[in-house]
């Protein structure tokens, strides 16, 4: 299985990377590979709402978004990671997801029901469920099939034990085996 992971956290040595490294061990133990991309290494612009993508052909902005999505399209599985800032996903993570609207207007750009893992990391012990549900809905609206959600909180003071880190290896090993998680928000209510 070929996996593409996009880490939208700006901390290249933080908790998201630690967890992705352990997911990667599991993926590789299962015979797969994981190419890890850091959003900060790419030029990603925000959606301007120009609606040119409604004519097909993808997003017209001249940046690296379409190249990243080509990599995701060529992979078997997609992992999207996003940190929570102030009770919602960080602005730069949301900026990337906003561009997903450009994928649904051209059959050649669709994700063909590609399975994916959504990983949310945050300092607090609890976040509003809506944050996860809405991020899940956005990913599903781009024709991804989320089959695993990791809500990893308490990271301000948390230090992972080796057993906890090994549990992420198990998740990586079993990625394809998880059942698709139905989204709980109405896709028709999405604005585009």
Protein backbone atom coordinates (compact mmCIF):
# COMPACT_ATOMS: atom_id res chain seq x y z
CA UNK A 1 0.00 0.00 0.00
CA UNK A 2 1.34 3.41 -1.00
CA UNK A 3 0.45 6.13 1.53
CA UNK A 4 0.82 9.89 1.29
CA UNK A 5 0.76 11.84 4.57
CA UNK A 6 0.33 15.60 4.75
CA UNK A 7 1.43 17.13 8.04
CA UNK A 8 0.00 20.64 8.30
CA UNK A 9 1.67 21.40 11.63
CA UNK A 10 4.58 23.82 11.34
CA UNK A 11 6.52 21.89 13.98
CA UNK A 12 8.55 19.33 12.00
CA UNK A 13 9.70 17.59 15.18
CA UNK A 14 6.47 17.74 17.17
CA UNK A 15 3.81 15.26 18.22
CA UNK A 16 2.27 14.91 14.76
CA UNK A 17 5.63 13.84 13.32
CA UNK A 18 6.28 11.43 16.22
CA UNK A 19 2.92 9.76 15.64
CA UNK A 20 3.32 9.69 11.85
CA UNK A 21 6.76 8.10 12.27
CA UNK A 22 5.14 5.28 14.26
CA UNK A 23 2.26 4.93 11.79
CA UNK A 24 4.93 4.64 9.08
CA UNK A 25 6.64 1.75 10.90
CA UNK A 26 3.33 -0.13 10.89
CA UNK A 27 2.68 0.71 7.23
CA UNK A 28 6.15 -0.54 6.27
CA UNK A 29 5.76 -3.68 8.42
CA UNK A 30 2.62 -4.41 6.38
CA UNK A 31 4.65 -4.09 3.15
CA UNK A 32 3.69 -0.51 2.31
CA UNK A 33 5.38 2.86 2.07
CA UNK A 34 4.56 6.31 3.41
CA UNK A 35 5.73 9.53 1.79
CA UNK A 36 5.48 12.29 4.40
CA UNK A 37 4.91 15.84 3.15
CA UNK A 38 5.10 18.96 5.31
CA UNK A 39 2.72 21.65 4.15
CA UNK A 40 5.25 24.34 5.11
CA UNK A 41 7.61 22.99 2.42
CA UNK A 42 5.10 23.93 -0.29
CA UNK A 43 3.59 27.08 -1.69
CA UNK A 44 -0.11 26.77 -0.90
CA UNK A 45 -2.38 29.76 -1.45
CA UNK A 46 -5.80 30.28 0.05
CA UNK A 47 -8.97 29.77 -2.00
CA UNK A 48 -10.03 33.10 -3.47
CA UNK A 49 -13.58 31.96 -4.23
CA UNK A 50 -13.10 32.69 -7.94
CA UNK A 51 -15.17 29.59 -8.81
CA UNK A 52 -13.06 28.85 -11.93
CA UNK A 53 -12.82 25.25 -10.70
CA UNK A 54 -16.57 24.88 -11.37
CA UNK A 55 -15.66 24.56 -15.05
CA UNK A 56 -13.46 21.50 -14.39
CA UNK A 57 -9.72 21.21 -14.66
CA UNK A 58 -9.03 21.79 -10.98
CA UNK A 59 -7.86 24.87 -9.19
CA UNK A 60 -6.40 27.64 -11.34
CA UNK A 61 -4.17 29.07 -8.62
CA UNK A 62 -0.49 28.74 -9.51
CA UNK A 63 0.89 26.95 -6.46
CA UNK A 64 1.69 23.43 -5.23
CA UNK A 65 -1.83 22.28 -4.28
CA UNK A 66 -2.56 20.42 -7.54
CA UNK A 67 0.87 18.71 -7.42
CA UNK A 68 0.20 17.48 -3.87
CA UNK A 69 -3.24 16.24 -4.86
CA UNK A 70 -1.73 14.40 -7.86
CA UNK A 71 0.53 12.56 -5.39
CA UNK A 72 -2.48 11.76 -3.20
CA UNK A 73 -4.48 10.58 -6.22
CA UNK A 74 -1.64 8.23 -7.23
CA UNK A 75 -1.43 6.76 -3.71
CA UNK A 76 -3.64 4.08 -2.20
CA UNK A 77 -4.27 5.92 1.07
CA UNK A 78 -4.13 9.49 2.44
CA UNK A 79 -3.30 10.64 5.97
CA UNK A 80 -4.21 14.24 6.82
CA UNK A 81 -2.95 15.74 10.08
CA UNK A 82 -4.09 19.04 11.57
CA UNK A 83 -3.33 20.79 14.84
CA UNK A 84 -6.09 22.54 16.77
CA UNK A 85 -5.57 26.20 17.65
CA UNK A 86 -8.20 27.97 19.72
CA UNK A 87 -10.86 25.22 19.42
CA UNK A 88 -10.69 24.76 15.65
CA UNK A 89 -8.20 23.41 13.14
CA UNK A 90 -5.33 25.79 12.48
CA UNK A 91 -5.87 28.35 9.74
CA UNK A 92 -3.19 26.92 7.45
CA UNK A 93 -4.77 23.44 7.74
CA UNK A 94 -8.19 24.87 6.92
CA UNK A 95 -6.69 26.80 4.02
CA UNK A 96 -5.56 23.51 2.47
CA UNK A 97 -8.94 21.84 3.03
CA UNK A 98 -10.77 24.81 1.48
CA UNK A 99 -9.09 23.94 -1.79
CA UNK A 100 -10.79 20.51 -1.82
CA UNK A 101 -13.77 22.22 -3.45
CA UNK A 102 -11.81 22.23 -6.72
CA UNK A 103 -11.65 18.41 -6.86
CA UNK A 104 -15.32 17.59 -7.33
CA UNK A 105 -15.95 19.23 -10.69
CA UNK A 106 -13.78 17.06 -12.90
CA UNK A 107 -14.00 13.26 -13.05
CA UNK A 108 -10.24 13.09 -13.69
CA UNK A 109 -9.52 14.82 -10.38
CA UNK A 110 -11.82 12.78 -8.13
CA UNK A 111 -10.31 10.75 -5.34
CA UNK A 112 -12.33 7.65 -6.33
CA UNK A 113 -13.40 6.97 -2.74
CA UNK A 114 -9.82 6.83 -1.48
CA UNK A 115 -9.57 5.75 2.15
CA UNK A 116 -8.02 8.19 4.56
CA UNK A 117 -7.06 8.79 8.17
CA UNK A 118 -7.81 12.11 9.86
CA UNK A 119 -5.50 12.99 12.74
CA UNK A 120 -6.30 15.95 14.97
CA UNK A 121 -3.77 16.99 17.64
CA UNK A 122 -4.32 19.52 20.40
CA UNK A 123 -3.07 20.69 23.78
CA UNK A 124 -6.43 20.58 25.54
CA UNK A 125 -7.94 17.50 27.11
CA UNK A 126 -11.19 18.00 25.21
CA UNK A 127 -12.28 19.74 22.02
CA UNK A 128 -15.72 20.40 20.66
CA UNK A 129 -16.94 17.36 18.66
CA UNK A 130 -18.05 19.72 15.90
CA UNK A 131 -14.40 20.41 15.00
CA UNK A 132 -13.79 16.75 14.21
CA UNK A 133 -17.19 16.21 12.58
CA UNK A 134 -16.83 19.24 10.34
CA UNK A 135 -13.26 18.41 9.30
CA UNK A 136 -14.44 14.86 8.57
CA UNK A 137 -17.29 16.29 6.45
CA UNK A 138 -14.89 18.47 4.44
CA UNK A 139 -12.65 15.49 3.68
CA UNK A 140 -15.63 13.33 2.72
CA UNK A 141 -16.96 16.09 0.45
CA UNK A 142 -13.81 15.58 -1.66
CA UNK A 143 -14.83 11.92 -2.12
CA UNK A 144 -12.41 10.51 0.46
CA UNK A 145 -13.63 7.67 2.68
CA UNK A 146 -12.38 8.30 6.22
CA UNK A 147 -11.84 4.97 7.94
CA UNK A 148 -9.84 6.12 10.98
CA UNK A 149 -9.95 9.28 13.11
CA UNK A 150 -7.29 9.98 15.71
CA UNK A 151 -8.21 12.69 18.24
CA UNK A 152 -5.03 13.13 20.24
CA UNK A 153 -5.31 15.67 23.02
CA UNK A 154 -3.65 16.69 26.26
CA UNK A 155 -0.39 17.31 24.40
CA UNK A 156 0.63 20.35 26.43
CA UNK A 157 1.91 18.07 29.19
CA UNK A 158 1.62 14.58 27.69
CA UNK A 159 4.67 12.42 27.11
CA UNK A 160 3.90 9.26 25.16
CA UNK A 161 4.82 5.94 26.70
CA UNK A 162 6.47 3.35 24.47
CA UNK A 163 3.26 1.28 24.61
CA UNK A 164 1.24 4.26 23.35
CA UNK A 165 3.70 4.87 20.52
CA UNK A 166 3.61 1.18 19.57
CA UNK A 167 -0.19 1.38 19.38
CA UNK A 168 0.25 3.85 16.49
CA UNK A 169 2.40 1.25 14.73
CA UNK A 170 -0.52 -1.18 15.06
CA UNK A 171 -2.86 1.38 13.53
CA UNK A 172 -0.46 1.88 10.61
CA UNK A 173 -0.28 -1.86 10.08
CA UNK A 174 -4.08 -2.18 10.00
CA UNK A 175 -4.97 1.01 8.07
CA UNK A 176 -6.77 -0.74 5.23
CA UNK A 177 -8.75 -2.97 7.59
CA UNK A 178 -10.77 -0.29 9.36
CA UNK A 179 -14.38 0.22 8.29
CA UNK A 180 -15.35 3.53 6.69
CA UNK A 181 -16.73 5.96 9.27
CA UNK A 182 -19.99 7.61 8.14
CA UNK A 183 -19.90 11.38 8.43
CA UNK A 184 -22.49 12.93 10.71
CA UNK A 185 -23.02 16.29 9.02
CA UNK A 186 -25.14 17.04 5.99
CA UNK A 187 -22.96 17.33 2.90
CA UNK A 188 -25.68 19.31 1.15
CA UNK A 189 -25.26 22.10 3.69
CA UNK A 190 -21.67 22.70 2.57
CA UNK A 191 -21.07 26.03 0.87
CA UNK A 192 -19.05 26.02 -2.30
